[in-house]
Amino acid sequence: MVMTAQAKCKESGMRHDTSASRQGAALPTVGQAMLEKFSERAVFDAQLALGERMNAAGIDDGKLGAQIAALDERIRQTEIAMIPTRTLKVEREILVLELAAAALAEEAPLPGADTEYERVRATLAALAMHNTIMIAAKAQAQRDKRLGGDELSSAMDRSAACVS
C-alpha cells in the first residue's frame, strides 16, 4: 500500500504542510535549472564585458579589432538607413567573445582590462566549483539509490513534507 505524504506525517505525529514552498521534488530541479542558466549567463556577460573592454582599450590580435571596427561601421550605416541590425550585432558579439576567449587562453594580466579579466576568471572558477558540487551530489544520490537509502535519508524525506 502506497502512503501519501499526509498519511506519513500523521503516522509520525507531524502536521502535513501543503504550502508550495514545501511541496514536491520539482522545486530543487527547477531551482537547479535556473541556477545553471544564471551561471552560464554570468559567464557570458563577464566574457562579453572583457571583450568589450579589450576592444575599447585597443587590445587585440590585429584581425579581430579590425573586424569589430568594420562591423561597428556597418551597424552605424544600417541604423542610419533604419534597417534592422540584430544580425550584425550578433556577429559583433561573437567577435567580441572571440577576443575575450583569446585573452582567457593566456594566463597573463591585461593592462586596461585587468578588472574584467579577473571577473571572468572568478566567474569561471565559481561555475567550476558549482559543477563539481553538483556532480558529487548526483553521485551521492545514485549511491544512496543503489544502496536503498538509509534511515537518515528516509527521515529527512519524511520531514521535508512535514512541519513540526
N, C-alpha and C. Protein backbone atom coordinates (compact mmCIF):
# COMPACT_ATOMS: atom_id res chain seq x y z
N MET A 1 0.84 -1.18 0.00
CA MET A 1 0.00 0.00 0.00
C MET A 1 0.89 1.25 0.00
N VAL A 2 0.58 2.20 -0.89
CA VAL A 2 1.35 3.43 -1.00
C VAL A 2 0.75 4.46 -0.07
N MET A 3 1.62 5.06 0.75
CA MET A 3 1.14 6.09 1.70
C MET A 3 1.39 7.46 1.12
N THR A 4 0.42 8.34 1.30
CA THR A 4 0.62 9.72 0.87
C THR A 4 1.51 10.43 1.88
N ALA A 5 2.01 11.59 1.48
CA ALA A 5 2.84 12.37 2.39
C ALA A 5 2.05 12.75 3.63
N GLN A 6 0.76 13.05 3.44
CA GLN A 6 -0.08 13.44 4.57
C GLN A 6 -0.22 12.27 5.54
N ALA A 7 -0.42 11.06 5.01
CA ALA A 7 -0.55 9.89 5.87
C ALA A 7 0.75 9.59 6.61
N LYS A 8 1.87 9.76 5.94
CA LYS A 8 3.17 9.54 6.58
C LYS A 8 3.37 10.52 7.73
N CYS A 9 2.98 11.77 7.52
CA CYS A 9 3.11 12.78 8.57
C CYS A 9 2.23 12.43 9.76
N LYS A 10 0.99 12.01 9.45
CA LYS A 10 0.05 11.66 10.51
C LYS A 10 0.61 10.50 11.33
N GLU A 11 1.20 9.51 10.62
CA GLU A 11 1.77 8.35 11.28
C GLU A 11 2.93 8.74 12.20
N SER A 12 3.72 9.73 11.75
CA SER A 12 4.87 10.13 12.55
C SER A 12 4.51 11.20 13.59
N GLY A 13 3.24 11.63 13.62
CA GLY A 13 2.81 12.61 14.60
C GLY A 13 3.12 14.05 14.21
N MET A 14 3.43 14.27 12.94
CA MET A 14 3.73 15.62 12.48
C MET A 14 2.59 16.12 11.60
N ARG A 15 2.50 17.45 11.45
CA ARG A 15 1.47 18.07 10.64
C ARG A 15 1.98 18.19 9.21
N HIS A 16 1.13 17.84 8.24
CA HIS A 16 1.50 17.94 6.83
C HIS A 16 1.35 19.38 6.38
N ASP A 17 2.38 19.89 5.72
CA ASP A 17 2.34 21.25 5.22
C ASP A 17 2.06 21.19 3.72
N THR A 18 1.00 21.85 3.27
CA THR A 18 0.63 21.82 1.86
C THR A 18 1.09 23.06 1.11
N SER A 19 1.84 23.92 1.74
CA SER A 19 2.28 25.14 1.06
C SER A 19 3.22 24.77 -0.08
N ALA A 20 3.23 25.62 -1.10
CA ALA A 20 4.04 25.35 -2.30
C ALA A 20 5.52 25.29 -1.97
N SER A 21 5.96 26.02 -0.97
CA SER A 21 7.38 26.02 -0.65
C SER A 21 7.85 24.70 -0.07
N ARG A 22 6.93 23.87 0.39
CA ARG A 22 7.32 22.59 0.98
C ARG A 22 6.95 21.40 0.10
N GLN A 23 6.41 21.65 -1.08
CA GLN A 23 5.89 20.57 -1.91
C GLN A 23 6.91 20.11 -2.94
N GLY A 24 6.87 18.85 -3.23
CA GLY A 24 7.48 18.23 -4.38
C GLY A 24 8.97 18.37 -4.56
N ALA A 25 9.52 17.38 -5.24
CA ALA A 25 10.94 17.39 -5.56
C ALA A 25 11.24 18.23 -6.78
N ALA A 26 10.20 18.72 -7.46
CA ALA A 26 10.41 19.51 -8.66
C ALA A 26 11.04 20.87 -8.34
N LEU A 27 10.82 21.39 -7.14
CA LEU A 27 11.36 22.70 -6.81
C LEU A 27 12.88 22.74 -6.88
N PRO A 28 13.59 21.78 -6.30
CA PRO A 28 15.05 21.83 -6.44
C PRO A 28 15.49 21.70 -7.90
N THR A 29 14.76 20.89 -8.69
CA THR A 29 15.10 20.71 -10.09
C THR A 29 14.93 22.02 -10.84
N VAL A 30 13.81 22.70 -10.63
CA VAL A 30 13.57 23.98 -11.28
C VAL A 30 14.62 24.99 -10.82
N GLY A 31 14.87 25.02 -9.51
CA GLY A 31 15.89 25.93 -8.98
C GLY A 31 17.25 25.64 -9.55
N GLN A 32 17.56 24.35 -9.71
CA GLN A 32 18.86 23.96 -10.27
C GLN A 32 18.97 24.44 -11.70
N ALA A 33 17.93 24.27 -12.49
CA ALA A 33 17.96 24.71 -13.89
C ALA A 33 18.13 26.22 -13.97
N MET A 34 17.44 26.94 -13.10
CA MET A 34 17.56 28.40 -13.09
C MET A 34 18.97 28.82 -12.69
N LEU A 35 19.53 28.13 -11.69
CA LEU A 35 20.89 28.45 -11.25
C LEU A 35 21.90 28.20 -12.36
N GLU A 36 21.75 27.08 -13.07
CA GLU A 36 22.67 26.77 -14.16
C GLU A 36 22.55 27.81 -15.27
N LYS A 37 21.32 28.20 -15.61
CA LYS A 37 21.12 29.22 -16.63
C LYS A 37 21.70 30.55 -16.19
N PHE A 38 21.49 30.90 -14.91
CA PHE A 38 22.04 32.13 -14.37
C PHE A 38 23.57 32.10 -14.42
N SER A 39 24.16 30.96 -14.06
CA SER A 39 25.62 30.82 -14.05
C SER A 39 26.18 30.96 -15.46
N GLU A 40 25.55 30.31 -16.42
CA GLU A 40 26.00 30.41 -17.80
C GLU A 40 25.89 31.85 -18.29
N ARG A 41 24.81 32.51 -17.92
CA ARG A 41 24.61 33.91 -18.33
C ARG A 41 25.67 34.81 -17.68
N ALA A 42 26.00 34.53 -16.43
CA ALA A 42 27.02 35.33 -15.74
C ALA A 42 28.37 35.20 -16.44
N VAL A 43 28.71 33.98 -16.87
CA VAL A 43 29.97 33.77 -17.59
C VAL A 43 29.92 34.51 -18.92
N PHE A 44 28.81 34.38 -19.64
CA PHE A 44 28.65 35.06 -20.93
C PHE A 44 28.82 36.57 -20.75
N ASP A 45 28.10 37.14 -19.77
CA ASP A 45 28.16 38.59 -19.53
C ASP A 45 29.58 39.03 -19.16
N ALA A 46 30.25 38.26 -18.33
CA ALA A 46 31.61 38.62 -17.92
C ALA A 46 32.58 38.55 -19.11
N GLN A 47 32.44 37.52 -19.95
CA GLN A 47 33.30 37.41 -21.12
C GLN A 47 33.02 38.52 -22.12
N LEU A 48 31.75 38.87 -22.28
CA LEU A 48 31.40 39.96 -23.19
C LEU A 48 31.98 41.28 -22.68
N ALA A 49 31.88 41.52 -21.38
CA ALA A 49 32.43 42.75 -20.80
C ALA A 49 33.95 42.79 -20.99
N LEU A 50 34.61 41.65 -20.83
CA LEU A 50 36.06 41.60 -21.05
C LEU A 50 36.39 41.94 -22.49
N GLY A 51 35.71 41.31 -23.44
CA GLY A 51 35.96 41.57 -24.85
C GLY A 51 35.70 43.03 -25.22
N GLU A 52 34.61 43.59 -24.68
CA GLU A 52 34.30 45.00 -24.96
C GLU A 52 35.38 45.92 -24.40
N ARG A 53 35.83 45.62 -23.18
CA ARG A 53 36.87 46.45 -22.56
C ARG A 53 38.19 46.34 -23.33
N MET A 54 38.51 45.11 -23.76
CA MET A 54 39.72 44.92 -24.56
C MET A 54 39.63 45.70 -25.86
N ASN A 55 38.47 45.64 -26.51
CA ASN A 55 38.28 46.36 -27.76
C ASN A 55 38.43 47.86 -27.54
N ALA A 56 37.82 48.38 -26.48
CA ALA A 56 37.90 49.81 -26.17
C ALA A 56 39.34 50.24 -25.87
N ALA A 57 40.10 49.34 -25.26
CA ALA A 57 41.49 49.65 -24.91
C ALA A 57 42.46 49.37 -26.06
N GLY A 58 41.93 48.83 -27.16
CA GLY A 58 42.79 48.53 -28.30
C GLY A 58 43.62 47.28 -28.13
N ILE A 59 43.20 46.39 -27.23
CA ILE A 59 43.92 45.13 -27.01
C ILE A 59 43.31 44.08 -27.93
N ASP A 60 44.03 43.71 -28.97
CA ASP A 60 43.52 42.69 -29.88
C ASP A 60 44.67 42.06 -30.65
N ASP A 61 44.32 41.13 -31.52
CA ASP A 61 45.34 40.44 -32.30
C ASP A 61 45.58 41.09 -33.66
N GLY A 62 44.98 42.24 -33.89
CA GLY A 62 45.12 42.93 -35.17
C GLY A 62 44.00 42.60 -36.14
N LYS A 63 43.53 41.37 -36.11
CA LYS A 63 42.46 40.95 -37.01
C LYS A 63 41.08 41.20 -36.40
N LEU A 64 40.89 40.70 -35.17
CA LEU A 64 39.57 40.82 -34.55
C LEU A 64 39.18 42.28 -34.32
N GLY A 65 40.12 43.09 -33.90
CA GLY A 65 39.84 44.50 -33.67
C GLY A 65 39.38 45.18 -34.95
N ALA A 66 40.04 44.87 -36.06
CA ALA A 66 39.65 45.44 -37.36
C ALA A 66 38.28 44.94 -37.79
N GLN A 67 37.99 43.67 -37.56
CA GLN A 67 36.68 43.12 -37.92
C GLN A 67 35.57 43.76 -37.08
N ILE A 68 35.83 43.96 -35.80
CA ILE A 68 34.85 44.60 -34.92
C ILE A 68 34.62 46.04 -35.37
N ALA A 69 35.69 46.75 -35.71
CA ALA A 69 35.56 48.14 -36.18
C ALA A 69 34.74 48.19 -37.47
N ALA A 70 34.99 47.26 -38.39
CA ALA A 70 34.23 47.22 -39.64
C ALA A 70 32.75 46.94 -39.38
N LEU A 71 32.48 46.03 -38.46
CA LEU A 71 31.08 45.75 -38.12
C LEU A 71 30.43 46.94 -37.44
N ASP A 72 31.16 47.63 -36.58
CA ASP A 72 30.63 48.83 -35.95
C ASP A 72 30.19 49.84 -37.01
N GLU A 73 31.00 50.00 -38.03
CA GLU A 73 30.66 50.93 -39.12
C GLU A 73 29.43 50.44 -39.88
N ARG A 74 29.37 49.16 -40.18
CA ARG A 74 28.20 48.59 -40.89
C ARG A 74 26.94 48.77 -40.04
N ILE A 75 27.05 48.55 -38.72
CA ILE A 75 25.90 48.72 -37.83
C ILE A 75 25.44 50.18 -37.87
N ARG A 76 26.39 51.11 -37.79
CA ARG A 76 26.06 52.53 -37.81
C ARG A 76 25.35 52.89 -39.11
N GLN A 77 25.88 52.45 -40.24
CA GLN A 77 25.28 52.74 -41.55
C GLN A 77 23.88 52.11 -41.66
N THR A 78 23.74 50.90 -41.15
CA THR A 78 22.46 50.20 -41.22
C THR A 78 21.43 50.89 -40.35
N GLU A 79 21.83 51.37 -39.18
CA GLU A 79 20.91 52.10 -38.31
C GLU A 79 20.45 53.40 -38.96
N ILE A 80 21.37 54.10 -39.65
CA ILE A 80 21.01 55.33 -40.35
C ILE A 80 19.96 55.04 -41.42
N ALA A 81 20.10 53.91 -42.10
CA ALA A 81 19.14 53.51 -43.13
C ALA A 81 17.87 52.92 -42.54
N MET A 82 17.81 52.86 -41.21
CA MET A 82 16.64 52.32 -40.50
C MET A 82 16.32 50.88 -40.89
N ILE A 83 17.38 50.10 -41.04
CA ILE A 83 17.27 48.67 -41.34
C ILE A 83 17.61 47.93 -40.05
N PRO A 84 16.91 46.82 -39.78
CA PRO A 84 17.21 46.05 -38.56
C PRO A 84 18.69 45.63 -38.51
N THR A 85 19.26 45.74 -37.31
CA THR A 85 20.70 45.47 -37.13
C THR A 85 20.98 44.26 -36.25
N ARG A 86 19.95 43.54 -35.87
CA ARG A 86 20.14 42.43 -34.92
C ARG A 86 21.20 41.43 -35.38
N THR A 87 21.15 41.02 -36.63
CA THR A 87 22.11 40.04 -37.14
C THR A 87 23.54 40.57 -37.06
N LEU A 88 23.72 41.83 -37.44
CA LEU A 88 25.05 42.43 -37.38
C LEU A 88 25.54 42.52 -35.93
N LYS A 89 24.64 42.86 -35.02
CA LYS A 89 25.02 42.97 -33.61
C LYS A 89 25.40 41.61 -33.03
N VAL A 90 24.72 40.56 -33.46
CA VAL A 90 25.07 39.21 -33.01
C VAL A 90 26.45 38.84 -33.55
N GLU A 91 26.71 39.15 -34.81
CA GLU A 91 28.04 38.88 -35.39
C GLU A 91 29.11 39.61 -34.59
N ARG A 92 28.83 40.85 -34.21
CA ARG A 92 29.78 41.64 -33.45
C ARG A 92 30.02 41.01 -32.07
N GLU A 93 28.94 40.56 -31.42
CA GLU A 93 29.08 39.90 -30.12
C GLU A 93 29.98 38.68 -30.22
N ILE A 94 29.80 37.92 -31.29
CA ILE A 94 30.63 36.72 -31.48
C ILE A 94 32.10 37.10 -31.59
N LEU A 95 32.40 38.15 -32.34
CA LEU A 95 33.79 38.59 -32.47
C LEU A 95 34.34 39.09 -31.13
N VAL A 96 33.53 39.81 -30.38
CA VAL A 96 33.96 40.31 -29.07
C VAL A 96 34.22 39.13 -28.13
N LEU A 97 33.38 38.11 -28.18
CA LEU A 97 33.59 36.91 -27.35
C LEU A 97 34.86 36.17 -27.79
N GLU A 98 35.14 36.15 -29.09
CA GLU A 98 36.38 35.53 -29.57
C GLU A 98 37.59 36.28 -29.05
N LEU A 99 37.48 37.59 -28.98
CA LEU A 99 38.56 38.42 -28.44
C LEU A 99 38.81 38.06 -26.98
N ALA A 100 37.73 37.94 -26.22
CA ALA A 100 37.85 37.56 -24.80
C ALA A 100 38.42 36.16 -24.66
N ALA A 101 37.96 35.24 -25.50
CA ALA A 101 38.45 33.85 -25.43
C ALA A 101 39.96 33.79 -25.68
N ALA A 102 40.43 34.60 -26.61
CA ALA A 102 41.87 34.63 -26.89
C ALA A 102 42.64 35.10 -25.66
N ALA A 103 42.10 36.08 -24.96
CA ALA A 103 42.76 36.59 -23.75
C ALA A 103 42.73 35.55 -22.64
N LEU A 104 41.62 34.83 -22.53
CA LEU A 104 41.49 33.83 -21.47
C LEU A 104 42.37 32.61 -21.71
N ALA A 105 42.75 32.40 -22.97
CA ALA A 105 43.64 31.28 -23.28
C ALA A 105 45.03 31.53 -22.70
N GLU A 106 45.34 32.77 -22.47
CA GLU A 106 46.63 33.16 -21.89
C GLU A 106 46.45 33.34 -20.38
N GLU A 107 47.44 33.03 -19.62
CA GLU A 107 47.42 33.23 -18.17
C GLU A 107 48.19 34.50 -17.83
N ALA A 108 47.84 35.59 -18.50
CA ALA A 108 48.56 36.83 -18.29
C ALA A 108 47.57 37.97 -18.04
N PRO A 109 47.93 38.91 -17.19
CA PRO A 109 47.06 40.05 -16.95
C PRO A 109 46.96 40.92 -18.20
N LEU A 110 45.87 41.67 -18.29
CA LEU A 110 45.65 42.54 -19.43
C LEU A 110 45.57 43.98 -18.97
N PRO A 111 46.66 44.73 -19.06
CA PRO A 111 46.59 46.14 -18.66
C PRO A 111 45.50 46.86 -19.46
N GLY A 112 44.61 47.50 -18.75
CA GLY A 112 43.49 48.18 -19.39
C GLY A 112 42.21 47.36 -19.33
N ALA A 113 42.32 46.07 -19.06
CA ALA A 113 41.14 45.21 -18.95
C ALA A 113 41.32 44.20 -17.82
N ASP A 114 42.20 44.52 -16.88
CA ASP A 114 42.52 43.56 -15.81
C ASP A 114 41.34 43.28 -14.88
N THR A 115 40.50 44.27 -14.60
CA THR A 115 39.34 44.05 -13.72
C THR A 115 38.38 43.06 -14.36
N GLU A 116 38.09 43.27 -15.64
CA GLU A 116 37.17 42.38 -16.36
C GLU A 116 37.76 40.98 -16.51
N TYR A 117 39.07 40.93 -16.73
CA TYR A 117 39.76 39.64 -16.85
C TYR A 117 39.61 38.84 -15.55
N GLU A 118 39.86 39.49 -14.42
CA GLU A 118 39.74 38.82 -13.12
C GLU A 118 38.29 38.41 -12.84
N ARG A 119 37.33 39.24 -13.26
CA ARG A 119 35.92 38.92 -13.05
C ARG A 119 35.53 37.65 -13.82
N VAL A 120 36.01 37.54 -15.06
CA VAL A 120 35.72 36.33 -15.85
C VAL A 120 36.36 35.12 -15.18
N ARG A 121 37.61 35.24 -14.77
CA ARG A 121 38.30 34.13 -14.10
C ARG A 121 37.55 33.70 -12.84
N ALA A 122 37.11 34.67 -12.04
CA ALA A 122 36.37 34.35 -10.80
C ALA A 122 35.03 33.69 -11.12
N THR A 123 34.35 34.18 -12.15
CA THR A 123 33.06 33.60 -12.54
C THR A 123 33.24 32.18 -13.03
N LEU A 124 34.26 31.95 -13.84
CA LEU A 124 34.54 30.60 -14.33
C LEU A 124 34.90 29.65 -13.18
N ALA A 125 35.67 30.15 -12.22
CA ALA A 125 36.04 29.33 -11.06
C ALA A 125 34.80 28.97 -10.23
N ALA A 126 33.91 29.94 -10.04
CA ALA A 126 32.68 29.69 -9.28
C ALA A 126 31.80 28.68 -10.01
N LEU A 127 31.71 28.79 -11.32
CA LEU A 127 30.92 27.84 -12.10
C LEU A 127 31.52 26.44 -12.02
N ALA A 128 32.84 26.35 -12.10
CA ALA A 128 33.51 25.05 -11.99
C ALA A 128 33.27 24.42 -10.62
N MET A 129 33.33 25.24 -9.57
CA MET A 129 33.06 24.74 -8.21
C MET A 129 31.63 24.24 -8.10
N HIS A 130 30.70 25.03 -8.63
CA HIS A 130 29.29 24.63 -8.61
C HIS A 130 29.10 23.30 -9.33
N ASN A 131 29.69 23.16 -10.52
CA ASN A 131 29.56 21.93 -11.28
C ASN A 131 30.15 20.74 -10.52
N THR A 132 31.27 20.94 -9.86
CA THR A 132 31.90 19.88 -9.08
C THR A 132 30.99 19.44 -7.94
N ILE A 133 30.40 20.40 -7.26
CA ILE A 133 29.48 20.09 -6.16
C ILE A 133 28.27 19.33 -6.68
N MET A 134 27.73 19.76 -7.82
CA MET A 134 26.55 19.09 -8.38
C MET A 134 26.87 17.66 -8.81
N ILE A 135 28.04 17.46 -9.39
CA ILE A 135 28.44 16.11 -9.80
C ILE A 135 28.57 15.22 -8.58
N ALA A 136 29.18 15.73 -7.52
CA ALA A 136 29.33 14.95 -6.29
C ALA A 136 27.97 14.64 -5.67
N ALA A 137 27.06 15.62 -5.68
CA ALA A 137 25.72 15.40 -5.11
C ALA A 137 24.95 14.35 -5.92
N LYS A 138 25.07 14.40 -7.25
CA LYS A 138 24.39 13.41 -8.09
C LYS A 138 24.98 12.02 -7.86
N ALA A 139 26.30 11.94 -7.72
CA ALA A 139 26.95 10.64 -7.47
C ALA A 139 26.50 10.08 -6.13
N GLN A 140 26.41 10.95 -5.11
CA GLN A 140 25.95 10.50 -3.79
C GLN A 140 24.50 10.02 -3.86
N ALA A 141 23.66 10.74 -4.60
CA ALA A 141 22.26 10.34 -4.74
C ALA A 141 22.15 8.99 -5.44
N GLN A 142 22.99 8.76 -6.44
CA GLN A 142 22.98 7.47 -7.14
C GLN A 142 23.45 6.35 -6.21
N ARG A 143 24.47 6.64 -5.39
CA ARG A 143 24.94 5.62 -4.43
C ARG A 143 23.84 5.31 -3.43
N ASP A 144 23.19 6.35 -2.92
CA ASP A 144 22.10 6.14 -1.96
C ASP A 144 20.97 5.33 -2.58
N LYS A 145 20.65 5.64 -3.82
CA LYS A 145 19.57 4.93 -4.50
C LYS A 145 19.93 3.46 -4.70
N ARG A 146 21.20 3.22 -5.10
CA ARG A 146 21.66 1.85 -5.31
C ARG A 146 21.65 1.05 -4.03
N LEU A 147 22.00 1.71 -2.92
CA LEU A 147 22.06 1.03 -1.63
C LEU A 147 20.69 0.98 -0.95
N GLY A 148 19.69 1.58 -1.57
CA GLY A 148 18.35 1.56 -0.99
C GLY A 148 18.14 2.67 0.02
N GLY A 149 19.05 3.60 0.12
CA GLY A 149 18.90 4.71 1.07
C GLY A 149 19.14 4.25 2.48
N ASP A 150 19.28 5.18 3.40
CA ASP A 150 19.46 4.82 4.80
C ASP A 150 18.36 5.45 5.65
N GLU A 151 18.35 5.16 6.91
CA GLU A 151 17.32 5.68 7.82
C GLU A 151 17.33 7.20 7.87
N LEU A 152 18.51 7.80 7.91
CA LEU A 152 18.62 9.25 8.00
C LEU A 152 18.00 9.89 6.75
N SER A 153 18.35 9.37 5.58
CA SER A 153 17.82 9.91 4.33
C SER A 153 16.31 9.77 4.30
N SER A 154 15.82 8.63 4.74
CA SER A 154 14.38 8.38 4.78
C SER A 154 13.69 9.35 5.74
N ALA A 155 14.29 9.58 6.88
CA ALA A 155 13.71 10.51 7.86
C ALA A 155 13.73 11.93 7.31
N MET A 156 14.79 12.29 6.61
CA MET A 156 14.86 13.63 6.04
C MET A 156 13.79 13.82 4.97
N ASP A 157 13.53 12.78 4.18
CA ASP A 157 12.48 12.86 3.16
C ASP A 157 11.12 13.07 3.83
N ARG A 158 10.87 12.33 4.90
CA ARG A 158 9.58 12.49 5.61
C ARG A 158 9.46 13.88 6.20
N SER A 159 10.52 14.38 6.77
CA SER A 159 10.42 15.68 7.43
C SER A 159 10.32 16.83 6.44
N ALA A 160 10.76 16.62 5.20
CA ALA A 160 10.67 17.68 4.20
C ALA A 160 9.23 18.00 3.86
N ALA A 161 8.34 17.02 4.00
CA ALA A 161 6.93 17.24 3.68
C ALA A 161 6.12 17.61 4.91
N CYS A 162 6.73 17.72 6.05
CA CYS A 162 6.03 17.98 7.30
C CYS A 162 6.57 19.21 8.00
N VAL A 163 5.78 19.76 8.85
CA VAL A 163 6.22 20.86 9.70
C VAL A 163 5.90 20.44 11.13
N SER A 164 6.89 20.54 12.02
CA SER A 164 6.65 20.11 13.39
C SER A 164 5.81 21.12 14.15
